[in-house]
Amino acid sequence: MSDHFDRLRVDPDFVPGNVWLGLVEIQRGRFDEAIAAHRRAVERSHDTPFTLAELARAVALAGRHEEARDILARLDRIGERRYVPPYEVEGVYLGMGEVETAFVLLDRAYADRVHSLTFLAVDPRFDSVRKDQRFVDLARRVGLWPA
């Protein structure tokens, strides 16, 4: 990850560096900075589903739910043409406090065998639901926690 930040210093348009910077700023609770970094990533990546979903999650966590829903609508339109991983989108719903919808998407991610599920045990986006029995069950199905 340090290489991403080093490159970001040299090339502020470096997409992975901006994504990682946005993720770090979310963890620091600095949502305006996270949103700015994710916007740069979206612009430079030409609206990839991953960068759009991370922007929407940052916006949702900042309490700007209407804007997050607008980005979700963009993701829905992209989903009409190509695959949008439900693992990425569920983070937006968690950010808005819509836990039921997030779990529906996590179940879809499991059915789709989305590789990102291997990060469940360490991904901080799940801190708010880690003790939810549905999360525990999913982590067990993925094989991350003992049965």
N, C-alpha and C. Protein backbone atom coordinates (compact mmCIF):
# COMPACT_ATOMS: atom_id res chain seq x y z
N MET A 1 0.83 -1.18 0.00
CA MET A 1 0.00 0.00 0.00
C MET A 1 0.88 1.25 0.00
N SER A 2 1.99 1.21 0.67
CA SER A 2 2.90 2.35 0.72
C SER A 2 3.32 2.76 -0.69
N ASP A 3 3.52 1.78 -1.58
CA ASP A 3 3.88 2.10 -2.96
C ASP A 3 2.79 2.93 -3.63
N HIS A 4 1.52 2.62 -3.31
CA HIS A 4 0.41 3.39 -3.87
C HIS A 4 0.49 4.84 -3.42
N PHE A 5 0.78 5.07 -2.14
CA PHE A 5 0.86 6.44 -1.62
C PHE A 5 2.09 7.15 -2.18
N ASP A 6 3.20 6.43 -2.34
CA ASP A 6 4.39 7.04 -2.93
C ASP A 6 4.09 7.49 -4.36
N ARG A 7 3.43 6.65 -5.10
CA ARG A 7 3.11 7.02 -6.48
C ARG A 7 2.11 8.17 -6.52
N LEU A 8 1.19 8.21 -5.54
CA LEU A 8 0.20 9.28 -5.48
C LEU A 8 0.88 10.64 -5.30
N ARG A 9 1.98 10.66 -4.56
CA ARG A 9 2.73 11.91 -4.38
C ARG A 9 3.29 12.41 -5.72
N VAL A 10 3.68 11.47 -6.56
CA VAL A 10 4.26 11.81 -7.86
C VAL A 10 3.15 12.04 -8.89
N ASP A 11 2.11 11.22 -8.82
CA ASP A 11 1.03 11.27 -9.80
C ASP A 11 -0.32 11.33 -9.07
N PRO A 12 -0.84 12.52 -8.82
CA PRO A 12 -2.09 12.65 -8.06
C PRO A 12 -3.30 12.02 -8.77
N ASP A 13 -3.14 11.63 -10.02
CA ASP A 13 -4.23 11.00 -10.76
C ASP A 13 -4.21 9.47 -10.65
N PHE A 14 -3.26 8.91 -9.92
CA PHE A 14 -3.10 7.46 -9.79
C PHE A 14 -4.33 6.89 -9.07
N VAL A 15 -5.13 6.12 -9.80
CA VAL A 15 -6.42 5.64 -9.29
C VAL A 15 -6.27 4.79 -8.02
N PRO A 16 -5.44 3.73 -8.00
CA PRO A 16 -5.36 2.93 -6.77
C PRO A 16 -4.92 3.75 -5.56
N GLY A 17 -4.03 4.70 -5.76
CA GLY A 17 -3.60 5.55 -4.66
C GLY A 17 -4.74 6.38 -4.10
N ASN A 18 -5.58 6.91 -5.00
CA ASN A 18 -6.73 7.68 -4.55
C ASN A 18 -7.75 6.81 -3.84
N VAL A 19 -7.95 5.60 -4.33
CA VAL A 19 -8.88 4.68 -3.65
C VAL A 19 -8.38 4.39 -2.24
N TRP A 20 -7.10 4.03 -2.11
CA TRP A 20 -6.57 3.72 -0.79
C TRP A 20 -6.60 4.94 0.13
N LEU A 21 -6.29 6.10 -0.42
CA LEU A 21 -6.35 7.32 0.38
C LEU A 21 -7.78 7.55 0.87
N GLY A 22 -8.76 7.35 0.00
CA GLY A 22 -10.16 7.50 0.41
C GLY A 22 -10.55 6.52 1.49
N LEU A 23 -10.09 5.29 1.39
CA LEU A 23 -10.40 4.28 2.41
C LEU A 23 -9.78 4.65 3.76
N VAL A 24 -8.55 5.15 3.72
CA VAL A 24 -7.89 5.57 4.96
C VAL A 24 -8.64 6.75 5.57
N GLU A 25 -9.03 7.71 4.75
CA GLU A 25 -9.74 8.88 5.27
C GLU A 25 -11.10 8.50 5.86
N ILE A 26 -11.76 7.51 5.30
CA ILE A 26 -13.01 7.02 5.89
C ILE A 26 -12.73 6.51 7.30
N GLN A 27 -11.70 5.71 7.45
CA GLN A 27 -11.37 5.16 8.77
C GLN A 27 -11.00 6.26 9.76
N ARG A 28 -10.47 7.34 9.26
CA ARG A 28 -10.12 8.47 10.13
C ARG A 28 -11.33 9.35 10.41
N GLY A 29 -12.46 9.07 9.75
CA GLY A 29 -13.65 9.89 9.94
C GLY A 29 -13.59 11.21 9.20
N ARG A 30 -12.70 11.31 8.24
CA ARG A 30 -12.53 12.54 7.46
C ARG A 30 -13.23 12.34 6.12
N PHE A 31 -14.56 12.49 6.15
CA PHE A 31 -15.38 12.12 4.99
C PHE A 31 -15.21 13.06 3.81
N ASP A 32 -15.02 14.36 4.05
CA ASP A 32 -14.82 15.27 2.92
C ASP A 32 -13.56 14.91 2.15
N GLU A 33 -12.49 14.58 2.88
CA GLU A 33 -11.24 14.18 2.23
C GLU A 33 -11.41 12.84 1.50
N ALA A 34 -12.16 11.92 2.13
CA ALA A 34 -12.41 10.63 1.49
C ALA A 34 -13.20 10.81 0.20
N ILE A 35 -14.22 11.64 0.27
CA ILE A 35 -15.05 11.88 -0.92
C ILE A 35 -14.20 12.49 -2.04
N ALA A 36 -13.35 13.46 -1.70
CA ALA A 36 -12.50 14.08 -2.71
C ALA A 36 -11.58 13.06 -3.37
N ALA A 37 -10.96 12.20 -2.57
CA ALA A 37 -10.07 11.17 -3.12
C ALA A 37 -10.85 10.20 -4.00
N HIS A 38 -12.02 9.79 -3.55
CA HIS A 38 -12.81 8.85 -4.35
C HIS A 38 -13.35 9.50 -5.63
N ARG A 39 -13.68 10.78 -5.56
CA ARG A 39 -14.10 11.48 -6.79
C ARG A 39 -12.97 11.48 -7.83
N ARG A 40 -11.73 11.73 -7.36
CA ARG A 40 -10.59 11.68 -8.29
C ARG A 40 -10.47 10.29 -8.89
N ALA A 41 -10.64 9.27 -8.07
CA ALA A 41 -10.54 7.89 -8.58
C ALA A 41 -11.62 7.61 -9.61
N VAL A 42 -12.85 8.07 -9.34
CA VAL A 42 -13.96 7.86 -10.28
C VAL A 42 -13.67 8.55 -11.61
N GLU A 43 -13.24 9.81 -11.54
CA GLU A 43 -12.96 10.57 -12.76
C GLU A 43 -11.85 9.92 -13.58
N ARG A 44 -10.79 9.48 -12.90
CA ARG A 44 -9.63 8.91 -13.61
C ARG A 44 -9.90 7.49 -14.10
N SER A 45 -10.83 6.80 -13.45
CA SER A 45 -11.11 5.41 -13.86
C SER A 45 -12.30 5.33 -14.81
N HIS A 46 -12.90 6.46 -15.11
CA HIS A 46 -14.04 6.52 -16.03
C HIS A 46 -15.22 5.68 -15.52
N ASP A 47 -15.59 5.94 -14.26
CA ASP A 47 -16.79 5.36 -13.65
C ASP A 47 -16.76 3.83 -13.52
N THR A 48 -15.66 3.27 -13.10
CA THR A 48 -15.69 1.83 -12.85
C THR A 48 -16.62 1.56 -11.67
N PRO A 49 -17.30 0.41 -11.66
CA PRO A 49 -18.21 0.11 -10.55
C PRO A 49 -17.54 0.18 -9.18
N PHE A 50 -16.32 -0.31 -9.08
CA PHE A 50 -15.63 -0.30 -7.79
C PHE A 50 -15.43 1.11 -7.28
N THR A 51 -14.90 2.01 -8.13
CA THR A 51 -14.64 3.37 -7.66
C THR A 51 -15.93 4.12 -7.39
N LEU A 52 -16.95 3.90 -8.20
CA LEU A 52 -18.25 4.54 -7.94
C LEU A 52 -18.85 4.06 -6.62
N ALA A 53 -18.76 2.76 -6.36
CA ALA A 53 -19.32 2.23 -5.12
C ALA A 53 -18.57 2.78 -3.91
N GLU A 54 -17.26 2.91 -4.00
CA GLU A 54 -16.50 3.46 -2.88
C GLU A 54 -16.84 4.93 -2.66
N LEU A 55 -17.04 5.68 -3.74
CA LEU A 55 -17.48 7.07 -3.60
C LEU A 55 -18.86 7.11 -2.94
N ALA A 56 -19.77 6.28 -3.39
CA ALA A 56 -21.12 6.26 -2.81
C ALA A 56 -21.08 5.90 -1.34
N ARG A 57 -20.21 4.98 -0.96
CA ARG A 57 -20.10 4.60 0.45
C ARG A 57 -19.59 5.78 1.28
N ALA A 58 -18.58 6.48 0.79
CA ALA A 58 -18.06 7.65 1.51
C ALA A 58 -19.14 8.71 1.66
N VAL A 59 -19.88 8.95 0.59
CA VAL A 59 -20.95 9.94 0.61
C VAL A 59 -22.04 9.50 1.61
N ALA A 60 -22.38 8.22 1.61
CA ALA A 60 -23.39 7.71 2.54
C ALA A 60 -22.93 7.88 3.98
N LEU A 61 -21.69 7.53 4.25
CA LEU A 61 -21.15 7.66 5.60
C LEU A 61 -21.12 9.12 6.06
N ALA A 62 -21.02 10.04 5.11
CA ALA A 62 -21.04 11.47 5.42
C ALA A 62 -22.46 11.96 5.67
N GLY A 63 -23.44 11.06 5.53
CA GLY A 63 -24.83 11.43 5.78
C GLY A 63 -25.55 12.01 4.57
N ARG A 64 -24.93 11.96 3.43
CA ARG A 64 -25.51 12.52 2.20
C ARG A 64 -26.20 11.41 1.42
N HIS A 65 -27.28 10.90 1.99
CA HIS A 65 -27.93 9.71 1.45
C HIS A 65 -28.55 9.92 0.07
N GLU A 66 -29.10 11.09 -0.18
CA GLU A 66 -29.70 11.34 -1.50
C GLU A 66 -28.63 11.27 -2.59
N GLU A 67 -27.47 11.84 -2.31
CA GLU A 67 -26.37 11.78 -3.27
C GLU A 67 -25.89 10.34 -3.43
N ALA A 68 -25.85 9.59 -2.33
CA ALA A 68 -25.46 8.17 -2.41
C ALA A 68 -26.44 7.41 -3.29
N ARG A 69 -27.74 7.70 -3.14
CA ARG A 69 -28.74 7.02 -3.98
C ARG A 69 -28.59 7.39 -5.45
N ASP A 70 -28.20 8.62 -5.74
CA ASP A 70 -27.94 9.01 -7.13
C ASP A 70 -26.81 8.17 -7.72
N ILE A 71 -25.76 7.96 -6.94
CA ILE A 71 -24.64 7.14 -7.41
C ILE A 71 -25.08 5.69 -7.56
N LEU A 72 -25.91 5.20 -6.63
CA LEU A 72 -26.45 3.84 -6.76
C LEU A 72 -27.25 3.70 -8.05
N ALA A 73 -27.98 4.74 -8.43
CA ALA A 73 -28.73 4.70 -9.69
C ALA A 73 -27.77 4.59 -10.87
N ARG A 74 -26.64 5.31 -10.81
CA ARG A 74 -25.63 5.18 -11.86
C ARG A 74 -25.10 3.75 -11.92
N LEU A 75 -24.87 3.16 -10.74
CA LEU A 75 -24.40 1.78 -10.69
C LEU A 75 -25.44 0.82 -11.27
N ASP A 76 -26.72 1.08 -11.01
CA ASP A 76 -27.78 0.25 -11.59
C ASP A 76 -27.75 0.33 -13.11
N ARG A 77 -27.56 1.53 -13.65
CA ARG A 77 -27.50 1.68 -15.11
C ARG A 77 -26.29 0.93 -15.68
N ILE A 78 -25.15 1.02 -14.99
CA ILE A 78 -23.98 0.27 -15.43
C ILE A 78 -24.27 -1.22 -15.36
N GLY A 79 -24.98 -1.66 -14.31
CA GLY A 79 -25.32 -3.06 -14.13
C GLY A 79 -26.20 -3.62 -15.23
N GLU A 80 -26.85 -2.76 -15.99
CA GLU A 80 -27.63 -3.22 -17.14
C GLU A 80 -26.73 -3.66 -18.28
N ARG A 81 -25.48 -3.18 -18.27
CA ARG A 81 -24.53 -3.49 -19.35
C ARG A 81 -23.44 -4.46 -18.96
N ARG A 82 -23.09 -4.45 -17.64
CA ARG A 82 -22.01 -5.33 -17.19
C ARG A 82 -22.18 -5.63 -15.71
N TYR A 83 -21.41 -6.56 -15.24
CA TYR A 83 -21.52 -7.03 -13.87
C TYR A 83 -21.04 -5.97 -12.88
N VAL A 84 -21.84 -5.74 -11.86
CA VAL A 84 -21.48 -4.87 -10.74
C VAL A 84 -21.48 -5.75 -9.50
N PRO A 85 -20.33 -5.99 -8.89
CA PRO A 85 -20.27 -6.90 -7.75
C PRO A 85 -21.12 -6.42 -6.57
N PRO A 86 -22.02 -7.27 -6.09
CA PRO A 86 -22.87 -6.87 -4.96
C PRO A 86 -22.07 -6.59 -3.70
N TYR A 87 -20.88 -7.15 -3.57
CA TYR A 87 -20.03 -6.89 -2.41
C TYR A 87 -19.69 -5.41 -2.32
N GLU A 88 -19.47 -4.77 -3.44
CA GLU A 88 -19.13 -3.35 -3.44
C GLU A 88 -20.35 -2.50 -3.08
N VAL A 89 -21.49 -2.85 -3.62
CA VAL A 89 -22.69 -2.06 -3.43
C VAL A 89 -23.22 -2.16 -2.00
N GLU A 90 -23.07 -3.32 -1.37
CA GLU A 90 -23.61 -3.48 -0.02
C GLU A 90 -23.00 -2.47 0.95
N GLY A 91 -21.75 -2.07 0.71
CA GLY A 91 -21.11 -1.10 1.58
C GLY A 91 -21.83 0.24 1.60
N VAL A 92 -22.44 0.60 0.48
CA VAL A 92 -23.21 1.84 0.42
C VAL A 92 -24.42 1.73 1.35
N TYR A 93 -25.10 0.60 1.27
CA TYR A 93 -26.29 0.41 2.12
C TYR A 93 -25.92 0.35 3.59
N LEU A 94 -24.81 -0.28 3.92
CA LEU A 94 -24.35 -0.25 5.31
C LEU A 94 -24.06 1.18 5.75
N GLY A 95 -23.48 1.95 4.85
CA GLY A 95 -23.18 3.35 5.15
C GLY A 95 -24.43 4.18 5.39
N MET A 96 -25.55 3.77 4.80
CA MET A 96 -26.81 4.47 5.02
C MET A 96 -27.62 3.85 6.16
N GLY A 97 -27.08 2.79 6.75
CA GLY A 97 -27.79 2.14 7.85
C GLY A 97 -28.88 1.18 7.40
N GLU A 98 -28.87 0.82 6.12
CA GLU A 98 -29.87 -0.10 5.57
C GLU A 98 -29.31 -1.52 5.59
N VAL A 99 -29.29 -2.08 6.78
CA VAL A 99 -28.63 -3.36 7.04
C VAL A 99 -29.31 -4.51 6.30
N GLU A 100 -30.64 -4.50 6.24
CA GLU A 100 -31.35 -5.60 5.58
C GLU A 100 -30.94 -5.70 4.11
N THR A 101 -30.92 -4.58 3.43
CA THR A 101 -30.53 -4.58 2.01
C THR A 101 -29.08 -5.02 1.86
N ALA A 102 -28.23 -4.57 2.77
CA ALA A 102 -26.81 -4.97 2.72
C ALA A 102 -26.67 -6.49 2.82
N PHE A 103 -27.45 -7.12 3.70
CA PHE A 103 -27.35 -8.58 3.84
C PHE A 103 -27.92 -9.32 2.63
N VAL A 104 -28.93 -8.76 2.00
CA VAL A 104 -29.43 -9.36 0.76
C VAL A 104 -28.32 -9.36 -0.28
N LEU A 105 -27.60 -8.25 -0.38
CA LEU A 105 -26.51 -8.15 -1.35
C LEU A 105 -25.33 -9.05 -0.97
N LEU A 106 -25.06 -9.18 0.31
CA LEU A 106 -23.99 -10.09 0.74
C LEU A 106 -24.34 -11.53 0.38
N ASP A 107 -25.60 -11.91 0.55
CA ASP A 107 -26.01 -13.26 0.16
C ASP A 107 -25.87 -13.45 -1.35
N ARG A 108 -26.18 -12.41 -2.11
CA ARG A 108 -26.00 -12.48 -3.57
C ARG A 108 -24.52 -12.61 -3.91
N ALA A 109 -23.68 -11.87 -3.19
CA ALA A 109 -22.23 -11.97 -3.41
C ALA A 109 -21.75 -13.39 -3.14
N TYR A 110 -22.29 -14.01 -2.09
CA TYR A 110 -21.92 -15.38 -1.78
C TYR A 110 -22.36 -16.32 -2.90
N ALA A 111 -23.59 -16.15 -3.38
CA ALA A 111 -24.09 -16.98 -4.48
C ALA A 111 -23.26 -16.79 -5.75
N ASP A 112 -22.80 -15.56 -5.96
CA ASP A 112 -21.97 -15.25 -7.14
C ASP A 112 -20.51 -15.64 -6.96
N ARG A 113 -20.16 -16.09 -5.76
CA ARG A 113 -18.79 -16.46 -5.43
C ARG A 113 -17.81 -15.30 -5.61
N VAL A 114 -18.23 -14.13 -5.15
CA VAL A 114 -17.40 -12.94 -5.26
C VAL A 114 -16.17 -13.11 -4.36
N HIS A 115 -15.01 -12.98 -4.96
CA HIS A 115 -13.75 -13.24 -4.23
C HIS A 115 -13.54 -12.29 -3.06
N SER A 116 -14.10 -11.10 -3.10
CA SER A 116 -13.90 -10.12 -2.03
C SER A 116 -14.45 -10.59 -0.69
N LEU A 117 -15.31 -11.60 -0.70
CA LEU A 117 -15.83 -12.13 0.56
C LEU A 117 -14.72 -12.68 1.45
N THR A 118 -13.58 -12.97 0.86
CA THR A 118 -12.47 -13.47 1.66
C THR A 118 -11.93 -12.41 2.61
N PHE A 119 -12.36 -11.16 2.43
CA PHE A 119 -11.92 -10.07 3.30
C PHE A 119 -12.90 -9.78 4.43
N LEU A 120 -13.98 -10.53 4.53
CA LEU A 120 -15.01 -10.27 5.54
C LEU A 120 -14.44 -10.08 6.95
N ALA A 121 -13.52 -10.93 7.32
CA ALA A 121 -13.02 -10.93 8.70
C ALA A 121 -12.21 -9.67 9.03
N VAL A 122 -11.68 -8.99 8.01
CA VAL A 122 -10.81 -7.84 8.27
C VAL A 122 -11.31 -6.53 7.68
N ASP A 123 -12.29 -6.57 6.82
CA ASP A 123 -12.78 -5.36 6.17
C ASP A 123 -13.54 -4.50 7.18
N PRO A 124 -13.05 -3.28 7.45
CA PRO A 124 -13.68 -2.45 8.48
C PRO A 124 -15.10 -2.00 8.14
N ARG A 125 -15.52 -2.14 6.89
CA ARG A 125 -16.89 -1.74 6.55
C ARG A 125 -17.91 -2.58 7.31
N PHE A 126 -17.49 -3.73 7.83
CA PHE A 126 -18.41 -4.63 8.53
C PHE A 126 -18.37 -4.50 10.04
N ASP A 127 -17.62 -3.55 10.54
CA ASP A 127 -17.50 -3.40 12.00
C ASP A 127 -18.87 -3.26 12.68
N SER A 128 -19.79 -2.56 12.04
CA SER A 128 -21.10 -2.31 12.66
C SER A 128 -22.00 -3.54 12.69
N VAL A 129 -21.67 -4.56 11.91
CA VAL A 129 -22.55 -5.75 11.85
C VAL A 129 -21.81 -7.04 12.20
N ARG A 130 -20.60 -6.92 12.68
CA ARG A 130 -19.79 -8.10 12.96
C ARG A 130 -20.46 -9.08 13.92
N LYS A 131 -21.25 -8.57 14.86
CA LYS A 131 -21.91 -9.45 15.83
C LYS A 131 -23.29 -9.91 15.38
N ASP A 132 -23.75 -9.41 14.27
CA ASP A 132 -25.04 -9.83 13.71
C ASP A 132 -24.92 -11.29 13.30
N GLN A 133 -25.88 -12.09 13.70
CA GLN A 133 -25.82 -13.53 13.42
C GLN A 133 -25.73 -13.83 11.93
N ARG A 134 -26.36 -13.00 11.10
CA ARG A 134 -26.27 -13.20 9.65
C ARG A 134 -24.84 -13.03 9.16
N PHE A 135 -24.12 -12.10 9.75
CA PHE A 135 -22.71 -11.91 9.38
C PHE A 135 -21.88 -13.10 9.83
N VAL A 136 -22.11 -13.54 11.06
CA VAL A 136 -21.39 -14.69 11.59
C VAL A 136 -21.63 -15.91 10.71
N ASP A 137 -22.88 -16.13 10.33
CA ASP A 137 -23.22 -17.27 9.47
C ASP A 137 -22.53 -17.16 8.10
N LEU A 138 -22.53 -15.96 7.54
CA LEU A 138 -21.88 -15.77 6.24
C LEU A 138 -20.38 -16.03 6.35
N ALA A 139 -19.75 -15.50 7.38
CA ALA A 139 -18.30 -15.72 7.57
C ALA A 139 -18.01 -17.22 7.71
N ARG A 140 -18.89 -17.93 8.37
CA ARG A 140 -18.70 -19.39 8.50
C ARG A 140 -18.87 -20.09 7.15
N ARG A 141 -19.89 -19.67 6.38
CA ARG A 141 -20.10 -20.29 5.06
C ARG A 141 -18.91 -20.05 4.14
N VAL A 142 -18.32 -18.87 4.26
CA VAL A 142 -17.16 -18.55 3.44
C VAL A 142 -15.93 -19.34 3.91
N GLY A 143 -15.97 -19.78 5.17
CA GLY A 143 -14.87 -20.57 5.72
C GLY A 143 -13.89 -19.75 6.52
N LEU A 144 -14.30 -18.55 6.93
CA LEU A 144 -13.39 -17.66 7.65
C LEU A 144 -13.43 -17.86 9.16
N TRP A 145 -14.53 -18.36 9.67
CA TRP A 145 -14.68 -18.60 11.10
C TRP A 145 -15.05 -20.06 11.32
N PRO A 146 -14.65 -20.61 12.43
CA PRO A 146 -14.97 -22.02 12.67
C PRO A 146 -16.48 -22.22 12.83
N ALA A 147 -16.93 -23.40 12.46
CA ALA A 147 -18.36 -23.73 12.56
C ALA A 147 -18.80 -23.90 13.99
